[in-house]
Amino acid sequence: FDHEDLAMLKEVLDGGLPSAIDGQWTRRLQKEFAAANESKYAVAVNSGMSALHACLAAADASVGDEVICDPMVQFGAVACFYNNAVPVFADIQRDTHNIDPQSIRARITERTKAILCTHLWGLPCDMDEINAIAREHNLLVIEDNAHALFARYKGRMTGNLGDMAEFSFQAAKQLSTGEGGLATTNDERLHERLIAYSGVRGMATF
């Protein structure tokens, strides 16, 4: 940590409102991160897992619903369990380790609620094909963007390629706050739902 980091920490403590609910720093993070990521909305939470949890809740994934996710990264499946939904594992592409769109298509049922795809190792998934499948079956697409901060896919920044996206600020990530997470969306209705499920309604207005 350098002098600037310590000075900002002192500013938070001296302000007397270190809580995310009352303090200004979480609102500032949301506003500046959304701008940097070219997203309309950002909602900060305490961890990347909480962001995935909120995204699935905002997608109405609940008891008996299925969410298609990859088998390489377990966090999407765990978030499904938090929402009492069922993770359905699609295969991955051998050359990227990212979820295979054709395997997604083969696993869609009448109970499928959403597709959760992980941009692994900083490499975006085949989002054109994934989004086409989602539109065909009226499904939401959630990006697990914990490994791909500010990556781009055909000129567009990850975190804006599906309906919602999750980011992690855990200690091993590209941008770390020690712990922490955030969800982004460009949809006003989903933004309101993310606020409701994250418990930060007081921070809805930047």
Protein backbone atom coordinates (compact mmCIF):
# COMPACT_ATOMS: atom_id res chain seq x y z
CA PHE A 1 0.00 0.00 0.00
CA ASP A 2 1.37 3.41 -0.88
CA HIS A 3 0.78 6.82 0.68
CA GLU A 4 -2.26 7.49 -1.52
CA ASP A 5 -3.94 4.27 -0.37
CA LEU A 6 -3.32 5.09 3.28
CA ALA A 7 -4.51 8.68 2.85
CA MET A 8 -7.79 7.45 1.33
CA LEU A 9 -8.24 4.95 4.16
CA LYS A 10 -7.75 7.77 6.65
CA GLU A 11 -10.32 9.87 4.78
CA VAL A 12 -12.89 7.07 5.13
CA LEU A 13 -12.20 6.64 8.85
CA ASP A 14 -12.13 10.39 9.52
CA GLY A 15 -15.48 10.77 7.75
CA GLY A 16 -17.16 8.77 10.50
CA LEU A 17 -19.34 6.80 8.06
CA PRO A 18 -17.35 3.74 7.00
CA SER A 19 -20.50 1.73 6.32
CA ALA A 20 -21.45 1.01 2.72
CA ILE A 21 -25.01 2.03 3.54
CA ASP A 22 -24.22 5.56 4.71
CA GLY A 23 -20.78 6.33 3.32
CA GLN A 24 -19.89 7.88 -0.01
CA TRP A 25 -17.16 5.48 -1.07
CA THR A 26 -19.38 2.63 -2.25
CA ARG A 27 -21.47 5.04 -4.30
CA ARG A 28 -18.29 6.46 -5.79
CA LEU A 29 -17.00 2.97 -6.60
CA GLN A 30 -20.26 2.07 -8.35
CA LYS A 31 -20.31 5.24 -10.41
CA GLU A 32 -16.66 5.16 -11.44
CA PHE A 33 -16.57 1.42 -12.11
CA ALA A 34 -19.66 1.59 -14.32
CA ALA A 35 -18.04 4.37 -16.34
CA ALA A 36 -14.71 2.54 -16.63
CA ASN A 37 -16.46 -0.67 -17.68
CA GLU A 38 -18.74 1.14 -20.15
CA SER A 39 -21.81 -0.09 -18.24
CA LYS A 40 -24.92 1.89 -17.32
CA TYR A 41 -25.25 0.49 -13.80
CA ALA A 42 -23.06 -1.11 -11.15
CA VAL A 43 -24.08 -2.49 -7.77
CA ALA A 44 -21.36 -3.19 -5.19
CA VAL A 45 -21.61 -6.12 -2.78
CA ASN A 46 -19.35 -7.81 -0.25
CA SER A 47 -17.98 -10.54 -2.56
CA GLY A 48 -18.02 -11.94 -6.06
CA MET A 49 -20.16 -14.83 -4.81
CA SER A 50 -22.73 -12.37 -3.47
CA ALA A 51 -22.77 -10.71 -6.91
CA LEU A 52 -23.47 -14.06 -8.58
CA HIS A 53 -26.13 -14.77 -5.95
CA ALA A 54 -27.79 -11.39 -6.65
CA CYS A 55 -27.61 -11.87 -10.44
CA LEU A 56 -29.34 -15.25 -10.25
CA ALA A 57 -31.96 -13.87 -7.86
CA ALA A 58 -32.57 -10.95 -10.24
CA ALA A 59 -33.01 -13.53 -13.02
CA ASP A 60 -35.73 -15.24 -10.91
CA ALA A 61 -33.74 -18.47 -10.72
CA SER A 62 -35.39 -20.33 -7.86
CA VAL A 63 -36.65 -23.73 -6.69
CA GLY A 64 -36.57 -26.27 -9.50
CA ASP A 65 -35.22 -23.85 -12.10
CA GLU A 66 -32.14 -24.87 -14.07
CA VAL A 67 -29.13 -22.69 -14.81
CA ILE A 68 -26.62 -23.83 -17.40
CA CYS A 69 -23.05 -23.22 -16.28
CA ASP A 70 -19.56 -24.54 -16.92
CA PRO A 71 -17.85 -27.32 -14.92
CA MET A 72 -14.43 -25.62 -14.77
CA VAL A 73 -15.30 -22.97 -12.17
CA GLN A 74 -17.49 -24.03 -9.27
CA PHE A 75 -18.76 -20.62 -8.20
CA GLY A 76 -21.64 -20.46 -10.66
CA ALA A 77 -22.94 -23.81 -9.44
CA VAL A 78 -22.60 -22.72 -5.80
CA ALA A 79 -24.57 -19.55 -6.54
CA CYS A 80 -27.30 -21.74 -8.05
CA PHE A 81 -27.52 -23.68 -4.78
CA TYR A 82 -27.83 -20.43 -2.84
CA ASN A 83 -30.95 -19.70 -4.90
CA ASN A 84 -32.29 -23.29 -4.66
CA ALA A 85 -31.80 -23.62 -8.42
CA VAL A 86 -30.20 -26.59 -10.18
CA PRO A 87 -26.84 -26.17 -11.95
CA VAL A 88 -26.68 -27.98 -15.27
CA PHE A 89 -23.13 -28.43 -16.51
CA ALA A 90 -22.33 -27.85 -20.16
CA ASP A 91 -19.09 -29.02 -21.71
CA ILE A 92 -16.16 -26.71 -22.36
CA GLN A 93 -14.14 -25.98 -25.48
CA ARG A 94 -10.77 -27.72 -25.35
CA ASP A 95 -8.80 -24.79 -26.75
CA THR A 96 -10.21 -22.08 -24.43
CA HIS A 97 -11.70 -23.92 -21.42
CA ASN A 98 -14.74 -21.70 -21.89
CA ILE A 99 -18.29 -23.03 -22.08
CA ASP A 100 -19.24 -24.60 -25.43
CA PRO A 101 -22.32 -22.94 -27.00
CA GLN A 102 -23.39 -26.16 -28.73
CA SER A 103 -23.30 -27.99 -25.40
CA ILE A 104 -25.44 -25.21 -23.93
CA ARG A 105 -28.02 -25.74 -26.67
CA ALA A 106 -28.16 -29.47 -26.00
CA ARG A 107 -28.92 -28.93 -22.30
CA ILE A 108 -31.80 -26.47 -22.52
CA THR A 109 -35.08 -27.76 -21.10
CA GLU A 110 -38.43 -26.21 -20.22
CA ARG A 111 -36.99 -25.50 -16.74
CA THR A 112 -33.93 -23.56 -17.94
CA LYS A 113 -33.95 -20.02 -16.54
CA ALA A 114 -30.52 -18.61 -17.39
CA ILE A 115 -27.08 -19.25 -18.86
CA LEU A 116 -24.11 -18.44 -16.62
CA CYS A 117 -20.85 -18.29 -18.56
CA THR A 118 -17.36 -17.75 -17.15
CA HIS A 119 -14.78 -15.76 -19.10
CA LEU A 120 -11.90 -17.94 -17.95
CA TRP A 121 -8.23 -16.86 -17.92
CA GLY A 122 -9.25 -13.42 -19.22
CA LEU A 123 -10.59 -14.84 -22.48
CA PRO A 124 -14.22 -14.00 -23.32
CA CYS A 125 -16.65 -16.75 -24.22
CA ASP A 126 -18.26 -17.01 -27.66
CA MET A 127 -20.88 -14.46 -26.71
CA ASP A 128 -22.47 -13.99 -30.14
CA GLU A 129 -23.50 -17.64 -30.22
CA ILE A 130 -24.45 -17.75 -26.53
CA ASN A 131 -26.65 -14.66 -26.83
CA ALA A 132 -28.28 -16.04 -29.98
CA ILE A 133 -29.19 -19.24 -28.12
CA ALA A 134 -30.49 -17.21 -25.18
CA ARG A 135 -32.70 -15.03 -27.38
CA GLU A 136 -34.06 -18.10 -29.14
CA HIS A 137 -35.18 -19.59 -25.81
CA ASN A 138 -35.97 -16.35 -23.92
CA LEU A 139 -33.18 -16.85 -21.37
CA LEU A 140 -31.04 -14.37 -19.46
CA VAL A 141 -27.25 -14.46 -19.81
CA ILE A 142 -25.04 -13.82 -16.78
CA GLU A 143 -21.31 -13.29 -17.21
CA ASP A 144 -18.88 -14.44 -14.53
CA ASN A 145 -16.29 -11.77 -15.19
CA ALA A 146 -14.01 -12.39 -12.20
CA HIS A 147 -11.10 -13.37 -14.48
CA ALA A 148 -11.64 -10.89 -17.30
CA LEU A 149 -11.65 -7.36 -15.93
CA PHE A 150 -11.74 -4.86 -18.83
CA ALA A 151 -11.30 -7.60 -21.45
CA ARG A 152 -12.92 -6.98 -24.84
CA TYR A 153 -14.89 -9.14 -27.24
CA LYS A 154 -15.24 -7.79 -30.77
CA GLY A 155 -14.70 -4.25 -29.48
CA ARG A 156 -17.15 -4.49 -26.57
CA MET A 157 -16.05 -4.73 -22.98
CA THR A 158 -16.91 -7.83 -21.00
CA GLY A 159 -19.54 -7.15 -18.37
CA ASN A 160 -21.76 -5.70 -21.12
CA LEU A 161 -22.12 -8.74 -23.34
CA GLY A 162 -24.99 -10.47 -21.54
CA ASP A 163 -27.83 -9.22 -19.35
CA MET A 164 -25.86 -9.04 -16.09
CA ALA A 165 -22.27 -9.61 -15.03
CA GLU A 166 -20.34 -10.39 -11.85
CA PHE A 167 -16.94 -9.06 -10.83
CA SER A 168 -14.73 -10.15 -7.94
CA PHE A 169 -12.31 -7.94 -6.02
CA GLN A 170 -10.88 -10.78 -3.96
CA ALA A 171 -7.16 -10.62 -3.12
CA ALA A 172 -6.03 -12.71 -6.12
CA LYS A 173 -7.96 -10.71 -8.75
CA GLN A 174 -6.71 -8.01 -11.13
CA LEU A 175 -8.35 -5.30 -9.02
CA SER A 176 -8.49 -6.13 -5.34
CA THR A 177 -10.10 -4.57 -2.30
CA GLY A 178 -9.09 -7.58 -0.20
CA GLU A 179 -12.65 -8.84 -0.53
CA GLY A 180 -15.57 -7.41 -2.42
CA GLY A 181 -17.62 -7.81 -5.55
CA LEU A 182 -19.87 -5.98 -7.94
CA ALA A 183 -22.59 -6.64 -10.52
CA THR A 184 -23.17 -4.67 -13.71
CA THR A 185 -26.10 -4.38 -16.09
CA ASN A 186 -27.40 -2.06 -18.79
CA ASP A 187 -31.03 -2.88 -18.03
CA GLU A 188 -32.89 -0.56 -15.65
CA ARG A 189 -35.28 -3.25 -14.42
CA LEU A 190 -32.46 -5.67 -13.67
CA HIS A 191 -30.57 -2.87 -11.95
CA GLU A 192 -33.48 -2.29 -9.61
CA ARG A 193 -33.67 -6.01 -8.89
CA LEU A 194 -29.94 -6.18 -8.17
CA ILE A 195 -30.33 -3.30 -5.72
CA ALA A 196 -33.25 -5.06 -4.02
CA TYR A 197 -31.38 -8.35 -3.66
CA SER A 198 -28.10 -6.77 -2.56
CA GLY A 199 -29.67 -4.67 0.20
CA VAL A 200 -28.27 -1.35 -1.00
CA ARG A 201 -31.43 0.50 -1.96
CA GLY A 202 -30.18 3.65 -0.31
CA MET A 203 -27.42 3.75 -2.89
CA ALA A 204 -29.60 3.57 -5.98
CA THR A 205 -29.04 7.20 -6.96
CA PHE A 206 -25.45 8.15 -7.79
